[in-house]
């Protein structure tokens, strides 16, 4: 089981979005974006490599 398939976590996400009064992507999409955002810098840190790419919020990718 993953968080994006967990009905309780999806319910918590919807409550959070209501609480902060904003429109955002669904929980699964947000988790995928976070994974994409963290994967490259995390891998670089684990491998003790320098990481100099910059995140593009427009494209949702490292450049």
PDB file of N, CA and C in Angstrom:
ATOM      1  N   UNK A   1       0.845  -1.185   0.000  1.00  0.00           N
ATOM      2  CA  UNK A   1       0.000   0.000   0.000  1.00  0.00           C
ATOM      3  C   UNK A   1       0.886   1.242   0.000  1.00  0.00           C
ATOM      4  N   UNK A   2       0.509   2.200  -0.802  1.00  0.00           N
ATOM      5  CA  UNK A   2       1.238   3.464  -0.831  1.00  0.00           C
ATOM      6  C   UNK A   2       0.308   4.580  -0.347  1.00  0.00           C
ATOM      7  N   UNK A   3       0.904   5.687   0.011  1.00  0.00           N
ATOM      8  CA  UNK A   3       0.115   6.805   0.524  1.00  0.00           C
ATOM      9  C   UNK A   3      -0.943   7.277  -0.463  1.00  0.00           C
ATOM     10  N   UNK A   4      -0.609   7.295  -1.755  1.00  0.00           N
ATOM     11  CA  UNK A   4      -1.577   7.831  -2.719  1.00  0.00           C
ATOM     12  C   UNK A   4      -2.785   6.921  -2.910  1.00  0.00           C
ATOM     13  N   UNK A   5      -2.686   5.661  -2.494  1.00  0.00           N
ATOM     14  CA  UNK A   5      -3.817   4.738  -2.569  1.00  0.00           C
ATOM     15  C   UNK A   5      -4.583   4.656  -1.251  1.00  0.00           C
ATOM     16  N   UNK A   6      -4.078   5.310  -0.221  1.00  0.00           N
ATOM     17  CA  UNK A   6      -4.651   5.236   1.119  1.00  0.00           C
ATOM     18  C   UNK A   6      -5.820   6.221   1.241  1.00  0.00           C
ATOM     19  N   UNK A   7      -7.022   5.689   1.415  1.00  0.00           N
ATOM     20  CA  UNK A   7      -8.221   6.527   1.491  1.00  0.00           C
ATOM     21  C   UNK A   7      -8.154   7.503   2.657  1.00  0.00           C
ATOM     22  N   UNK A   8      -7.594   7.078   3.781  1.00  0.00           N
ATOM     23  CA  UNK A   8      -7.489   7.963   4.950  1.00  0.00           C
ATOM     24  C   UNK A   8      -6.562   9.144   4.652  1.00  0.00           C
ATOM     25  N   UNK A   9      -5.457   8.877   3.968  1.00  0.00           N
ATOM     26  CA  UNK A   9      -4.525   9.958   3.630  1.00  0.00           C
ATOM     27  C   UNK A   9      -5.153  10.912   2.611  1.00  0.00           C
ATOM     28  N   UNK A  10      -5.903  10.389   1.666  1.00  0.00           N
ATOM     29  CA  UNK A  10      -6.581  11.241   0.694  1.00  0.00           C
ATOM     30  C   UNK A  10      -7.603  12.139   1.395  1.00  0.00           C
ATOM     31  N   UNK A  11      -8.293  11.576   2.377  1.00  0.00           N
ATOM     32  CA  UNK A  11      -9.272  12.348   3.148  1.00  0.00           C
ATOM     33  C   UNK A  11      -8.566  13.458   3.923  1.00  0.00           C
ATOM     34  N   UNK A  12      -7.423  13.147   4.527  1.00  0.00           N
ATOM     35  CA  UNK A  12      -6.652  14.153   5.261  1.00  0.00           C
ATOM     36  C   UNK A  12      -6.172  15.256   4.322  1.00  0.00           C
ATOM     37  N   UNK A  13      -5.742  14.869   3.119  1.00  0.00           N
ATOM     38  CA  UNK A  13      -5.279  15.858   2.139  1.00  0.00           C
ATOM     39  C   UNK A  13      -6.416  16.811   1.776  1.00  0.00           C
ATOM     40  N   UNK A  14      -7.602  16.260   1.505  1.00  0.00           N
ATOM     41  CA  UNK A  14      -8.750  17.095   1.146  1.00  0.00           C
ATOM     42  C   UNK A  14      -9.107  18.050   2.286  1.00  0.00           C
ATOM     43  N   UNK A  15      -9.029  17.573   3.531  1.00  0.00           N
ATOM     44  CA  UNK A  15      -9.314  18.434   4.689  1.00  0.00           C
ATOM     45  C   UNK A  15      -8.268  19.536   4.795  1.00  0.00           C
ATOM     46  N   UNK A  16      -7.010  19.199   4.564  1.00  0.00           N
ATOM     47  CA  UNK A  16      -5.936  20.185   4.605  1.00  0.00           C
ATOM     48  C   UNK A  16      -6.147  21.263   3.549  1.00  0.00           C
ATOM     49  N   UNK A  17      -6.480  20.851   2.339  1.00  0.00           N
ATOM     50  CA  UNK A  17      -6.693  21.804   1.243  1.00  0.00           C
ATOM     51  C   UNK A  17      -7.861  22.730   1.576  1.00  0.00           C
ATOM     52  N   UNK A  18      -8.920  22.184   2.157  1.00  0.00           N
ATOM     53  CA  UNK A  18     -10.057  23.031   2.571  1.00  0.00           C
ATOM     54  C   UNK A  18      -9.611  24.026   3.654  1.00  0.00           C
ATOM     55  N   UNK A  19      -8.808  23.532   4.586  1.00  0.00           N
ATOM     56  CA  UNK A  19      -8.371  24.372   5.705  1.00  0.00           C
ATOM     57  C   UNK A  19      -7.518  25.550   5.232  1.00  0.00           C
ATOM     58  N   UNK A  20      -6.638  25.305   4.269  1.00  0.00           N
ATOM     59  CA  UNK A  20      -5.791  26.396   3.788  1.00  0.00           C
ATOM     60  C   UNK A  20      -6.476  27.201   2.688  1.00  0.00           C
ATOM     61  N   UNK A  21      -7.687  26.778   2.338  1.00  0.00           N
ATOM     62  CA  UNK A  21      -8.531  27.501   1.384  1.00  0.00           C
ATOM     63  C   UNK A  21      -7.815  27.795   0.075  1.00  0.00           C
ATOM     64  N   UNK A  22      -7.366  26.731  -0.570  1.00  0.00           N
ATOM     65  CA  UNK A  22      -6.693  26.884  -1.853  1.00  0.00           C
ATOM     66  C   UNK A  22      -7.086  25.745  -2.777  1.00  0.00           C
ATOM     67  N   UNK A  23      -6.890  25.961  -4.041  1.00  0.00           N
ATOM     68  CA  UNK A  23      -7.121  24.901  -5.021  1.00  0.00           C
ATOM     69  C   UNK A  23      -5.767  24.305  -5.362  1.00  0.00           C
ATOM     70  N   UNK A  24      -5.682  23.006  -5.339  1.00  0.00           N
ATOM     71  CA  UNK A  24      -4.426  22.334  -5.647  1.00  0.00           C
ATOM     72  C   UNK A  24      -4.712  21.015  -6.342  1.00  0.00           C
ATOM     73  N   UNK A  25      -3.652  20.387  -6.800  1.00  0.00           N
ATOM     74  CA  UNK A  25      -3.790  19.099  -7.464  1.00  0.00           C
ATOM     75  C   UNK A  25      -4.253  18.037  -6.478  1.00  0.00           C
ATOM     76  N   UNK A  26      -4.701  16.919  -7.019  1.00  0.00           N
ATOM     77  CA  UNK A  26      -5.101  15.830  -6.151  1.00  0.00           C
ATOM     78  C   UNK A  26      -3.876  15.255  -5.440  1.00  0.00           C
ATOM     79  N   UNK A  27      -4.117  14.507  -4.398  1.00  0.00           N
ATOM     80  CA  UNK A  27      -3.068  13.990  -3.525  1.00  0.00           C
ATOM     81  C   UNK A  27      -2.026  13.178  -4.287  1.00  0.00           C
ATOM     82  N   UNK A  28      -2.459  12.330  -5.184  1.00  0.00           N
ATOM     83  CA  UNK A  28      -1.552  11.484  -5.964  1.00  0.00           C
ATOM     84  C   UNK A  28      -0.589  12.327  -6.809  1.00  0.00           C
ATOM     85  N   UNK A  29      -1.108  13.360  -7.441  1.00  0.00           N
ATOM     86  CA  UNK A  29      -0.278  14.242  -8.264  1.00  0.00           C
ATOM     87  C   UNK A  29       0.749  14.984  -7.414  1.00  0.00           C
ATOM     88  N   UNK A  30       0.333  15.445  -6.251  1.00  0.00           N
ATOM     89  CA  UNK A  30       1.243  16.147  -5.352  1.00  0.00           C
ATOM     90  C   UNK A  30       2.369  15.218  -4.913  1.00  0.00           C
ATOM     91  N   UNK A  31       2.049  13.983  -4.559  1.00  0.00           N
ATOM     92  CA  UNK A  31       3.079  13.028  -4.143  1.00  0.00           C
ATOM     93  C   UNK A  31       4.056  12.724  -5.284  1.00  0.00           C
ATOM     94  N   UNK A  32       3.552  12.612  -6.493  1.00  0.00           N
ATOM     95  CA  UNK A  32       4.434  12.367  -7.639  1.00  0.00           C
ATOM     96  C   UNK A  32       5.375  13.551  -7.863  1.00  0.00           C
ATOM     97  N   UNK A  33       4.866  14.769  -7.696  1.00  0.00           N
ATOM     98  CA  UNK A  33       5.700  15.962  -7.850  1.00  0.00           C
ATOM     99  C   UNK A  33       6.781  16.008  -6.780  1.00  0.00           C
ATOM    100  N   UNK A  34       6.409  15.686  -5.549  1.00  0.00           N
ATOM    101  CA  UNK A  34       7.392  15.659  -4.461  1.00  0.00           C
ATOM    102  C   UNK A  34       8.467  14.613  -4.739  1.00  0.00           C
ATOM    103  N   UNK A  35       8.065  13.458  -5.215  1.00  0.00           N
ATOM    104  CA  UNK A  35       9.025  12.396  -5.530  1.00  0.00           C
ATOM    105  C   UNK A  35       9.992  12.864  -6.622  1.00  0.00           C
ATOM    106  N   UNK A  36       9.461  13.479  -7.663  1.00  0.00           N
ATOM    107  CA  UNK A  36      10.295  13.991  -8.749  1.00  0.00           C
ATOM    108  C   UNK A  36      11.252  15.056  -8.223  1.00  0.00           C
ATOM    109  N   UNK A  37      10.744  15.933  -7.355  1.00  0.00           N
ATOM    110  CA  UNK A  37      11.543  17.014  -6.804  1.00  0.00           C
ATOM    111  C   UNK A  37      12.699  16.486  -5.943  1.00  0.00           C
ATOM    112  N   UNK A  38      12.453  15.453  -5.170  1.00  0.00           N
ATOM    113  CA  UNK A  38      13.466  14.964  -4.224  1.00  0.00           C
ATOM    114  C   UNK A  38      14.418  13.909  -4.784  1.00  0.00           C
ATOM    115  N   UNK A  39      14.022  13.187  -5.813  1.00  0.00           N
ATOM    116  CA  UNK A  39      14.800  12.032  -6.280  1.00  0.00           C
ATOM    117  C   UNK A  39      16.239  12.374  -6.675  1.00  0.00           C
ATOM    118  N   UNK A  40      16.425  13.336  -7.551  1.00  0.00           N
ATOM    119  CA  UNK A  40      17.781  13.653  -8.026  1.00  0.00           C
ATOM    120  C   UNK A  40      18.686  14.210  -6.923  1.00  0.00           C
ATOM    121  N   UNK A  41      18.244  15.202  -6.143  1.00  0.00           N
ATOM    122  CA  UNK A  41      19.144  15.690  -5.094  1.00  0.00           C
ATOM    123  C   UNK A  41      19.420  14.639  -4.024  1.00  0.00           C
ATOM    124  N   UNK A  42      18.446  13.806  -3.728  1.00  0.00           N
ATOM    125  CA  UNK A  42      18.653  12.742  -2.747  1.00  0.00           C
ATOM    126  C   UNK A  42      19.688  11.745  -3.246  1.00  0.00           C
ATOM    127  N   UNK A  43      19.551  11.330  -4.503  1.00  0.00           N
ATOM    128  CA  UNK A  43      20.510  10.395  -5.090  1.00  0.00           C
ATOM    129  C   UNK A  43      21.910  11.000  -5.093  1.00  0.00           C
ATOM    130  N   UNK A  44      22.021  12.251  -5.452  1.00  0.00           N
ATOM    131  CA  UNK A  44      23.325  12.926  -5.447  1.00  0.00           C
ATOM    132  C   UNK A  44      23.911  12.947  -4.035  1.00  0.00           C
ATOM    133  N   UNK A  45      23.092  13.213  -3.041  1.00  0.00           N
ATOM    134  CA  UNK A  45      23.576  13.244  -1.659  1.00  0.00           C
ATOM    135  C   UNK A  45      24.044  11.865  -1.203  1.00  0.00           C
ATOM    136  N   UNK A  46      23.288  10.838  -1.535  1.00  0.00           N
ATOM    137  CA  UNK A  46      23.658   9.474  -1.149  1.00  0.00           C
ATOM    138  C   UNK A  46      24.971   9.065  -1.812  1.00  0.00           C
ATOM    139  N   UNK A  47      25.149   9.477  -3.049  1.00  0.00           N
ATOM    140  CA  UNK A  47      26.365   9.129  -3.790  1.00  0.00           C
ATOM    141  C   UNK A  47      27.493  10.142  -3.577  1.00  0.00           C
ATOM    142  N   UNK A  48      27.263  11.099  -2.685  1.00  0.00           N
ATOM    143  CA  UNK A  48      28.242  12.145  -2.368  1.00  0.00           C
ATOM    144  C   UNK A  48      28.713  12.881  -3.622  1.00  0.00           C
ATOM    145  N   UNK A  49      27.754  13.177  -4.514  1.00  0.00           N
ATOM    146  CA  UNK A  49      28.034  13.914  -5.742  1.00  0.00           C
ATOM    147  C   UNK A  49      27.498  15.332  -5.632  1.00  0.00           C
ATOM    148  N   UNK A  50      28.132  16.247  -6.325  1.00  0.00           N
ATOM    149  CA  UNK A  50      27.682  17.625  -6.366  1.00  0.00           C
ATOM    150  C   UNK A  50      26.401  17.712  -7.201  1.00  0.00           C
ATOM    151  N   UNK A  51      25.437  18.473  -6.717  1.00  0.00           N
ATOM    152  CA  UNK A  51      24.172  18.639  -7.433  1.00  0.00           C
ATOM    153  C   UNK A  51      23.952  20.122  -7.681  1.00  0.00           C
ATOM    154  N   UNK A  52      23.941  20.523  -8.937  1.00  0.00           N
ATOM    155  CA  UNK A  52      23.836  21.947  -9.275  1.00  0.00           C
ATOM    156  C   UNK A  52      22.626  22.294 -10.144  1.00  0.00           C
ATOM    157  N   UNK A  53      21.800  21.328 -10.438  1.00  0.00           N
ATOM    158  CA  UNK A  53      20.631  21.616 -11.275  1.00  0.00           C
ATOM    159  C   UNK A  53      19.672  22.534 -10.531  1.00  0.00           C
ATOM    160  N   UNK A  54      18.809  23.217 -11.287  1.00  0.00           N
ATOM    161  CA  UNK A  54      17.812  24.099 -10.701  1.00  0.00           C
ATOM    162  C   UNK A  54      16.419  23.600 -11.062  1.00  0.00           C
ATOM    163  N   UNK A  55      15.513  23.712 -10.115  1.00  0.00           N
ATOM    164  CA  UNK A  55      14.149  23.244 -10.298  1.00  0.00           C
ATOM    165  C   UNK A  55      13.342  24.274 -11.074  1.00  0.00           C
ATOM    166  N   UNK A  56      12.628  23.806 -12.078  1.00  0.00           N
ATOM    167  CA  UNK A  56      11.714  24.657 -12.835  1.00  0.00           C
ATOM    168  C   UNK A  56      10.291  24.333 -12.392  1.00  0.00           C
ATOM    169  N   UNK A  57       9.676  25.263 -11.687  1.00  0.00           N
ATOM    170  CA  UNK A  57       8.306  25.044 -11.231  1.00  0.00           C
ATOM    171  C   UNK A  57       7.341  24.986 -12.412  1.00  0.00           C
ATOM    172  N   UNK A  58       7.674  25.688 -13.475  1.00  0.00           N
ATOM    173  CA  UNK A  58       6.800  25.706 -14.650  1.00  0.00           C
ATOM    174  C   UNK A  58       6.713  24.332 -15.305  1.00  0.00           C
ATOM    175  N   UNK A  59       7.878  23.676 -15.454  1.00  0.00           N
ATOM    176  CA  UNK A  59       7.889  22.377 -16.129  1.00  0.00           C
ATOM    177  C   UNK A  59       7.838  21.211 -15.143  1.00  0.00           C
ATOM    178  N   UNK A  60       8.137  21.487 -13.872  1.00  0.00           N
ATOM    179  CA  UNK A  60       8.131  20.413 -12.878  1.00  0.00           C
ATOM    180  C   UNK A  60       9.290  19.468 -13.035  1.00  0.00           C
ATOM    181  N   UNK A  61      10.434  20.011 -13.485  1.00  0.00           N
ATOM    182  CA  UNK A  61      11.617  19.180 -13.721  1.00  0.00           C
ATOM    183  C   UNK A  61      12.870  19.913 -13.284  1.00  0.00           C
ATOM    184  N   UNK A  62      13.939  19.139 -13.106  1.00  0.00           N
ATOM    185  CA  UNK A  62      15.247  19.706 -12.830  1.00  0.00           C
ATOM    186  C   UNK A  62      15.888  20.090 -14.141  1.00  0.00           C
ATOM    187  N   UNK A  63      16.592  21.206 -14.151  1.00  0.00           N
ATOM    188  CA  UNK A  63      17.250  21.684 -15.367  1.00  0.00           C
ATOM    189  C   UNK A  63      18.706  21.936 -15.063  1.00  0.00           C
TER     190      UNK A  63
END
